[in-house]
Amino acid sequence: MLPTTTRRLLAPLLLIALGAGPAVVPEAANAAGVSATVKVGNTLRVRSAPSLTAKVVGTVKNNQRVSVICAITGQKVRGSVRTTTAWDRLSTGRYLSHAYVKTSRSIPRCATKPARVAPRKTKPATDKKYVVGTVRSLDGAVHLRASATTSAARRDSVVNGTKLNLVCRVAGTRVAGTVRTTNQWNRTAAGTYISHAYMYSGPLPVCAASRTPAPSVSLTPEQFIKNSVPGAQRGWREYGVPASVTIAQAILESGWGRSGLASVDKNYFGIKCQNGSYGKLANGCHTYRTQECTKAGNCFSTSAVFRTYATQSHSFRDHGSFLRVNPRYKPAFAYTKNANKFIWKVWKAGYATDPNYYTKVTGIMAKYKLYQYDT
């Protein structure tokens, strides 16, 4: 996802002429403008709006003279001349960050709406609210992509410290970044996607119709059990939960690994995040739409945030940790070498509301001879 170059992306390159792009209708009243000189290492992108995420509509070179009509507040940029939120509207109706511009006299503030690009049509403004996020990358530039995957087309790049308007989040390719390792991707106001592995932001809603299809899981019961044994036995050694209990619960709760939680996020036990915290063994959080029902049988739609894991083994070990640190399950740990009594105590402590949960778990342990793994 990230280039290996360490050069700072202060003036991104795009080899198109300043005159290229759609025709622009200038503001007749401000035709004169203030003469200014561009100061940049090589070339500087010209934008359709005062933001690094706006469409690139041309470039200018170092020492090139431009005519500035007025200045407007936009995205903060650190340039070769200064660090500022000011952007200069050119006589063409396009924008340059004032961070790269020198002038001999002051530039007036823009008093009118920005020039309209013609003949291109723009969508009417909305009252949509965004969450401002900050890019945090020690690996160079971070790419903005066409969809939530590292193989999607690259639309733009941003550098450490860039502010982005974020709309919502989706699940996509898992990325190991400067901030975290996660499969969460954030959709920007421009419609591009950036991995949350390189972002600091407030909570984001789930994007509409963004559910990730669960990968096809076709393991036989024998294959699933074989894959489960190492993580379950390690969880038993580390936390004291019998391996047979862990495997049987995983089979029952994930449907042999076919649930969306298990197949997408490797969460086999439905363990949730708590106030954004996911502990030491998980690697992130994923929000799902769920159905909840009251004791009276009234069901309603809500959302729940579940932990995500890098491997099945991490999920199994976190299951052991979850039971060990929760005080209400403490009585069960008097029976770490008696799987049936252990799961009985866990169930009676309120682990599951299903009245047949204990019978189902012990039935699975017996049918598939899972007790043999309690060694």
Protein backbone atom coordinates (compact mmCIF):
# COMPACT_ATOMS: atom_id res chain seq x y z
CA MET A 1 0.00 0.00 0.00
CA LEU A 2 2.92 2.37 0.69
CA PRO A 3 5.86 3.37 -1.53
CA THR A 4 9.35 2.64 -0.27
CA THR A 5 10.64 6.12 -0.98
CA THR A 6 11.27 8.32 2.06
CA ARG A 7 10.94 11.60 0.19
CA ARG A 8 8.34 13.87 1.77
CA LEU A 9 5.30 14.33 -0.43
CA LEU A 10 5.14 18.11 -0.02
CA ALA A 11 4.52 18.85 -3.70
CA PRO A 12 2.99 15.81 -5.43
CA LEU A 13 3.74 15.50 -9.12
CA LEU A 14 1.29 15.17 -11.94
CA LEU A 15 2.53 15.90 -15.45
CA ILE A 16 -0.36 17.80 -16.95
CA ALA A 17 -0.33 21.37 -18.16
CA LEU A 18 -1.84 24.22 -16.18
CA GLY A 19 -4.19 24.89 -19.04
CA ALA A 20 -5.47 21.30 -19.13
CA GLY A 21 -8.78 20.22 -17.67
CA PRO A 22 -12.34 21.58 -17.98
CA ALA A 23 -12.98 25.16 -18.99
CA VAL A 24 -13.29 27.62 -16.10
CA VAL A 25 -15.61 30.61 -15.87
CA PRO A 26 -13.55 33.38 -14.15
CA GLU A 27 -15.02 36.12 -12.00
CA ALA A 28 -15.07 39.25 -14.13
CA ALA A 29 -14.99 41.59 -11.14
CA ASN A 30 -11.61 40.22 -10.01
CA ALA A 31 -9.89 40.01 -13.38
CA ALA A 32 -6.77 41.98 -12.34
CA GLY A 33 -5.35 39.88 -9.51
CA VAL A 34 -2.11 40.00 -7.51
CA SER A 35 1.10 38.83 -9.16
CA ALA A 36 2.70 35.94 -7.23
CA THR A 37 5.64 33.54 -7.62
CA VAL A 38 5.51 29.80 -6.96
CA LYS A 39 8.30 28.39 -4.77
CA VAL A 40 8.47 24.61 -4.96
CA GLY A 41 11.13 21.94 -5.41
CA ASN A 42 9.83 20.79 -8.79
CA THR A 43 6.15 21.12 -9.67
CA LEU A 44 3.03 21.84 -7.64
CA ARG A 45 -0.48 20.54 -8.22
CA VAL A 46 -3.29 22.98 -8.94
CA ARG A 47 -6.63 21.94 -7.41
CA SER A 48 -10.30 22.47 -8.17
CA ALA A 49 -10.94 23.40 -4.51
CA PRO A 50 -8.85 24.44 -1.45
CA SER A 51 -8.01 20.89 -0.34
CA LEU A 52 -5.36 18.25 -1.02
CA THR A 53 -8.17 15.79 -1.73
CA ALA A 54 -9.74 17.99 -4.41
CA LYS A 55 -9.38 17.13 -8.10
CA VAL A 56 -6.03 17.95 -9.72
CA VAL A 57 -6.64 20.32 -12.66
CA GLY A 58 -3.08 21.31 -13.56
CA THR A 59 0.48 21.95 -12.34
CA VAL A 60 2.84 24.90 -11.97
CA LYS A 61 6.64 24.97 -11.86
CA ASN A 62 9.14 26.56 -9.50
CA ASN A 63 9.45 30.34 -10.02
CA GLN A 64 6.40 30.38 -12.29
CA ARG A 65 4.40 33.59 -11.98
CA VAL A 66 0.65 33.34 -11.43
CA SER A 67 -2.18 35.81 -10.98
CA VAL A 68 -4.00 35.48 -7.63
CA ILE A 69 -7.52 36.90 -7.35
CA CYS A 70 -8.12 36.32 -3.63
CA ALA A 71 -7.40 34.02 -0.67
CA ILE A 72 -9.69 31.52 1.03
CA THR A 73 -9.36 29.22 4.05
CA GLY A 74 -8.89 25.53 3.29
CA GLN A 75 -6.86 22.49 4.31
CA LYS A 76 -3.71 23.22 6.32
CA VAL A 77 -0.51 22.61 4.34
CA ARG A 78 3.17 22.78 5.27
CA GLY A 79 5.10 24.10 2.27
CA SER A 80 8.43 25.57 1.24
CA VAL A 81 7.41 29.14 2.19
CA ARG A 82 5.15 28.67 5.23
CA THR A 83 2.62 26.44 7.00
CA THR A 84 -0.88 27.81 6.49
CA THR A 85 -4.56 27.11 5.88
CA ALA A 86 -4.72 29.84 3.22
CA TRP A 87 -5.32 28.88 -0.41
CA ASP A 88 -5.00 31.26 -3.35
CA ARG A 89 -7.70 31.39 -6.00
CA LEU A 90 -6.07 31.99 -9.35
CA SER A 91 -7.45 34.06 -12.20
CA THR A 92 -8.41 30.73 -13.81
CA GLY A 93 -10.69 29.91 -10.86
CA ARG A 94 -8.39 27.15 -9.62
CA TYR A 95 -6.50 26.89 -6.33
CA LEU A 96 -2.91 26.77 -5.03
CA SER A 97 -1.87 26.39 -1.42
CA HIS A 98 -0.41 29.68 -0.17
CA ALA A 99 2.23 27.54 1.58
CA TYR A 100 4.19 27.61 -1.71
CA VAL A 101 3.49 31.18 -2.89
CA LYS A 102 5.38 34.49 -2.50
CA THR A 103 3.77 37.86 -3.24
CA SER A 104 4.92 41.48 -3.13
CA ARG A 105 1.65 42.70 -1.64
CA SER A 106 -1.26 41.36 0.40
CA ILE A 107 -3.97 39.24 -1.16
CA PRO A 108 -7.61 40.20 -0.48
CA ARG A 109 -9.99 37.68 1.05
CA CYS A 110 -12.44 36.04 -1.32
CA ALA A 111 -15.80 37.74 -0.86
CA THR A 112 -17.78 35.67 -3.34
CA LYS A 113 -18.45 32.02 -3.93
CA PRO A 114 -15.70 30.09 -5.76
CA ALA A 115 -15.74 30.15 -9.54
CA ARG A 116 -17.90 27.48 -11.11
CA VAL A 117 -16.32 24.88 -13.31
CA ALA A 118 -18.06 24.64 -16.67
CA PRO A 119 -19.53 22.72 -18.34
CA ARG A 120 -19.12 20.13 -15.63
CA LYS A 121 -22.17 19.84 -13.34
CA THR A 122 -21.75 19.69 -9.59
CA LYS A 123 -24.04 18.13 -7.03
CA PRO A 124 -25.95 20.54 -4.78
CA ALA A 125 -24.44 21.14 -1.37
CA THR A 126 -25.74 19.04 1.49
CA ASP A 127 -25.72 19.31 5.25
CA LYS A 128 -23.84 16.03 5.56
CA LYS A 129 -21.58 15.92 8.59
CA TYR A 130 -18.07 14.51 8.49
CA VAL A 131 -15.59 13.25 11.04
CA VAL A 132 -12.18 14.88 10.65
CA GLY A 133 -9.37 12.32 10.72
CA THR A 134 -5.60 12.79 10.83
CA VAL A 135 -3.16 10.69 8.83
CA ARG A 136 -0.37 9.19 10.93
CA SER A 137 2.33 7.47 8.86
CA LEU A 138 5.98 6.74 9.53
CA ASP A 139 6.13 4.77 6.27
CA GLY A 140 5.84 7.59 3.76
CA ALA A 141 2.80 8.56 1.72
CA VAL A 142 -0.50 6.71 2.23
CA HIS A 143 -2.60 5.96 -0.83
CA LEU A 144 -6.27 6.82 -1.23
CA ARG A 145 -7.92 4.05 -3.25
CA ALA A 146 -11.05 3.44 -5.27
CA SER A 147 -12.29 0.75 -2.87
CA ALA A 148 -11.39 -0.82 0.49
CA THR A 149 -8.56 -3.02 -0.73
CA THR A 150 -4.84 -2.58 -1.36
CA SER A 151 -5.30 -3.87 -4.91
CA ALA A 152 -7.82 -1.16 -5.86
CA ALA A 153 -6.89 1.70 -8.17
CA ARG A 154 -4.91 4.49 -6.52
CA ARG A 155 -6.74 7.82 -6.61
CA ASP A 156 -4.41 10.05 -4.60
CA SER A 157 -1.76 10.05 -1.86
CA VAL A 158 -1.55 11.90 1.47
CA VAL A 159 1.29 12.45 3.91
CA ASN A 160 1.68 12.35 7.67
CA GLY A 161 -0.44 15.01 9.38
CA THR A 162 -2.95 15.46 6.55
CA LYS A 163 -6.53 16.15 7.67
CA LEU A 164 -9.29 14.24 5.85
CA ASN A 165 -13.07 14.47 6.02
CA LEU A 166 -14.30 10.93 6.76
CA VAL A 167 -17.87 9.77 6.11
CA CYS A 168 -18.11 6.14 7.24
CA ARG A 169 -16.21 2.86 7.54
CA VAL A 170 -16.20 -0.51 5.84
CA ALA A 171 -14.34 -3.80 6.21
CA GLY A 172 -11.66 -4.52 3.63
CA THR A 173 -8.09 -5.75 3.25
CA ARG A 174 -6.26 -6.09 6.56
CA VAL A 175 -3.37 -3.61 6.76
CA ALA A 176 -0.51 -3.30 9.27
CA GLY A 177 0.14 0.43 9.64
CA THR A 178 1.71 3.00 11.93
CA VAL A 179 -1.33 3.31 14.22
CA ARG A 180 -2.71 -0.25 14.25
CA THR A 181 -3.33 -3.45 12.30
CA THR A 182 -6.93 -3.61 11.12
CA ASN A 183 -9.27 -4.45 8.26
CA GLN A 184 -11.21 -1.19 8.71
CA TRP A 185 -11.14 1.28 5.83
CA ASN A 186 -12.57 4.79 5.97
CA ARG A 187 -14.51 6.37 3.12
CA THR A 188 -13.58 10.02 2.58
CA ALA A 189 -15.88 12.84 1.56
CA ALA A 190 -14.34 12.58 -1.92
CA GLY A 191 -15.47 8.95 -2.23
CA THR A 192 -12.01 7.43 -1.88
CA TYR A 193 -10.88 4.93 0.77
CA ILE A 194 -7.98 4.99 3.22
CA SER A 195 -6.91 2.25 5.63
CA HIS A 196 -7.72 3.00 9.29
CA ALA A 197 -4.29 1.50 10.06
CA TYR A 198 -2.90 4.99 9.32
CA MET A 199 -5.66 7.17 10.78
CA TYR A 200 -6.62 8.84 14.03
CA SER A 201 -10.31 9.79 14.08
CA GLY A 202 -13.46 9.78 16.15
CA PRO A 203 -16.06 6.99 15.81
CA LEU A 204 -17.43 6.47 12.30
CA PRO A 205 -20.76 4.90 11.31
CA VAL A 206 -20.81 1.81 9.13
CA CYS A 207 -21.24 2.69 5.46
CA ALA A 208 -24.64 1.79 4.07
CA ALA A 209 -24.74 -1.53 2.21
CA SER A 210 -21.11 -2.21 3.11
CA ARG A 211 -21.33 -5.66 4.57
CA THR A 212 -18.37 -7.75 3.52
CA PRO A 213 -19.40 -11.10 2.01
CA ALA A 214 -18.15 -13.93 4.17
CA PRO A 215 -15.42 -15.98 2.47
CA SER A 216 -16.47 -19.47 1.54
CA VAL A 217 -15.50 -21.92 4.28
CA SER A 218 -15.49 -25.58 3.27
CA LEU A 219 -13.52 -27.33 6.01
CA THR A 220 -14.74 -30.74 7.06
CA PRO A 221 -15.33 -31.29 10.80
CA GLU A 222 -12.08 -33.24 10.97
CA GLN A 223 -10.15 -30.42 9.30
CA PHE A 224 -11.72 -27.78 11.53
CA ILE A 225 -10.85 -29.73 14.69
CA LYS A 226 -7.30 -30.33 13.48
CA ASN A 227 -6.84 -26.59 12.86
CA SER A 228 -8.36 -25.77 16.26
CA VAL A 229 -6.23 -28.01 18.48
CA PRO A 230 -2.99 -25.91 18.63
CA GLY A 231 -4.75 -22.68 19.66
CA ALA A 232 -7.08 -24.46 22.09
CA GLN A 233 -4.22 -26.30 23.80
CA ARG A 234 -2.16 -23.14 24.03
CA GLY A 235 -5.15 -21.37 25.59
CA TRP A 236 -5.42 -24.22 28.11
CA ARG A 237 -1.72 -23.93 29.04
CA GLU A 238 -1.89 -20.13 29.34
CA TYR A 239 -5.29 -19.64 30.97
CA GLY A 240 -6.55 -23.04 32.17
CA VAL A 241 -9.59 -23.51 29.90
CA PRO A 242 -9.80 -27.18 28.81
CA ALA A 243 -9.04 -27.51 25.09
CA SER A 244 -12.13 -29.69 24.57
CA VAL A 245 -14.34 -26.90 25.93
CA THR A 246 -12.76 -24.26 23.71
CA ILE A 247 -13.07 -26.38 20.55
CA ALA A 248 -16.67 -27.41 21.28
CA GLN A 249 -17.74 -23.83 22.01
CA ALA A 250 -16.08 -22.66 18.79
CA ILE A 251 -17.93 -25.34 16.80
CA LEU A 252 -21.27 -24.41 18.35
CA GLU A 253 -20.91 -20.63 18.29
CA SER A 254 -19.27 -20.22 14.85
CA GLY A 255 -21.04 -23.05 13.02
CA TRP A 256 -17.77 -24.82 12.26
CA GLY A 257 -16.17 -21.48 11.34
CA ARG A 258 -18.84 -20.54 8.79
CA SER A 259 -20.30 -17.53 10.63
CA GLY A 260 -19.54 -14.07 9.31
CA LEU A 261 -17.61 -13.22 12.47
CA ALA A 262 -15.39 -16.29 12.14
CA SER A 263 -14.87 -16.32 8.39
CA VAL A 264 -14.25 -12.58 8.01
CA ASP A 265 -12.72 -11.55 11.35
CA LYS A 266 -11.60 -14.90 12.83
CA ASN A 267 -13.79 -14.25 15.88
CA TYR A 268 -15.11 -17.69 16.88
CA PHE A 269 -16.78 -16.74 20.18
CA GLY A 270 -18.54 -13.43 19.54
CA ILE A 271 -16.28 -11.51 21.94
CA LYS A 272 -17.05 -7.79 21.72
CA CYS A 273 -14.92 -4.66 21.94
CA GLN A 274 -15.48 -2.57 25.06
CA ASN A 275 -15.49 1.20 24.48
CA GLY A 276 -13.10 0.75 21.56
CA SER A 277 -10.73 -1.48 23.52
CA TYR A 278 -9.95 -4.92 22.10
CA GLY A 279 -7.23 -6.21 24.43
CA LYS A 280 -3.81 -7.64 23.65
CA LEU A 281 -4.73 -10.63 21.49
CA ALA A 282 -7.21 -9.05 19.07
CA ASN A 283 -6.11 -6.57 16.40
CA GLY A 284 -9.14 -4.35 15.89
CA CYS A 285 -12.91 -3.90 16.04
CA HIS A 286 -15.67 -4.41 13.45
CA THR A 287 -19.23 -3.11 13.75
CA TYR A 288 -22.06 -5.40 12.65
CA ARG A 289 -25.81 -4.88 12.41
CA THR A 290 -27.51 -7.39 14.74
CA GLN A 291 -30.97 -8.41 15.92
CA GLU A 292 -31.64 -8.21 19.66
CA CYS A 293 -34.75 -9.55 21.38
CA THR A 294 -36.25 -8.72 24.77
CA LYS A 295 -37.57 -11.37 27.17
CA ALA A 296 -41.05 -10.48 25.95
CA GLY A 297 -40.04 -11.52 22.44
CA ASN A 298 -39.84 -8.04 20.95
CA CYS A 299 -36.92 -7.90 18.50
CA PHE A 300 -35.18 -4.83 17.13
CA SER A 301 -32.24 -3.94 14.95
CA THR A 302 -29.10 -2.55 16.56
CA SER A 303 -25.34 -2.60 16.08
CA ALA A 304 -22.58 -4.33 18.02
CA VAL A 305 -18.81 -3.97 17.86
CA PHE A 306 -16.87 -7.23 17.78
CA ARG A 307 -13.16 -7.98 18.08
CA THR A 308 -11.13 -9.01 15.04
CA TYR A 309 -8.14 -11.36 15.07
CA ALA A 310 -5.13 -12.10 12.90
CA THR A 311 -5.45 -15.88 13.35
CA GLN A 312 -7.79 -18.53 14.70
CA SER A 313 -5.26 -19.24 17.45
CA HIS A 314 -5.43 -15.63 18.66
CA SER A 315 -9.22 -15.91 18.94
CA PHE A 316 -8.99 -19.17 20.91
CA ARG A 317 -6.41 -17.74 23.30
CA ASP A 318 -8.48 -14.58 23.80
CA HIS A 319 -11.44 -16.81 24.69
CA GLY A 320 -9.32 -18.30 27.49
CA SER A 321 -8.22 -14.86 28.64
CA PHE A 322 -11.82 -13.59 28.58
CA LEU A 323 -13.00 -16.38 30.89
CA ARG A 324 -9.96 -16.15 33.18
CA VAL A 325 -10.16 -12.40 33.90
CA ASN A 326 -13.95 -12.30 34.36
CA PRO A 327 -14.70 -12.77 38.11
CA ARG A 328 -18.06 -14.48 37.56
CA TYR A 329 -16.35 -17.44 35.88
CA LYS A 330 -13.80 -17.91 38.67
CA PRO A 331 -15.57 -21.02 40.15
CA ALA A 332 -15.04 -22.86 36.86
CA PHE A 333 -11.27 -22.73 37.21
CA ALA A 334 -11.42 -25.19 40.09
CA TYR A 335 -12.12 -27.77 37.35
CA THR A 336 -9.47 -27.09 34.69
CA LYS A 337 -8.93 -30.86 34.37
CA ASN A 338 -12.63 -31.74 34.30
CA ALA A 339 -14.11 -30.36 31.09
CA ASN A 340 -17.76 -31.17 31.84
CA LYS A 341 -17.73 -29.52 35.27
CA PHE A 342 -15.82 -26.56 33.84
CA ILE A 343 -18.40 -25.79 31.13
CA TRP A 344 -21.24 -26.42 33.62
CA LYS A 345 -19.88 -23.69 35.92
CA VAL A 346 -19.34 -21.34 32.98
CA TRP A 347 -22.90 -21.87 31.74
CA LYS A 348 -24.44 -21.47 35.22
CA ALA A 349 -22.51 -18.21 35.65
CA GLY A 350 -24.50 -16.76 32.76
CA TYR A 351 -22.27 -17.34 29.74
CA ALA A 352 -25.25 -18.29 27.54
CA THR A 353 -29.02 -17.96 27.90
CA ASP A 354 -29.77 -21.08 25.84
CA PRO A 355 -31.25 -23.60 28.34
CA ASN A 356 -29.67 -26.42 26.32
CA TYR A 357 -26.23 -24.83 25.97
CA TYR A 358 -24.48 -27.20 28.40
CA THR A 359 -26.02 -30.26 26.76
CA LYS A 360 -25.05 -29.05 23.29
CA VAL A 361 -21.42 -28.35 24.23
CA THR A 362 -20.86 -31.63 26.08
CA GLY A 363 -22.62 -33.49 23.26
CA ILE A 364 -20.12 -32.08 20.76
CA MET A 365 -17.21 -32.95 23.04
CA ALA A 366 -18.37 -36.55 23.28
CA LYS A 367 -19.37 -37.03 19.62
CA TYR A 368 -16.05 -35.78 18.25
CA LYS A 369 -13.88 -37.24 21.05
CA LEU A 370 -12.54 -33.81 22.01
CA TYR A 371 -11.54 -34.89 25.54
CA GLN A 372 -8.39 -36.45 24.06
CA TYR A 373 -6.98 -32.95 23.53
CA ASP A 374 -7.12 -32.07 27.25
CA THR A 375 -3.46 -32.96 27.72
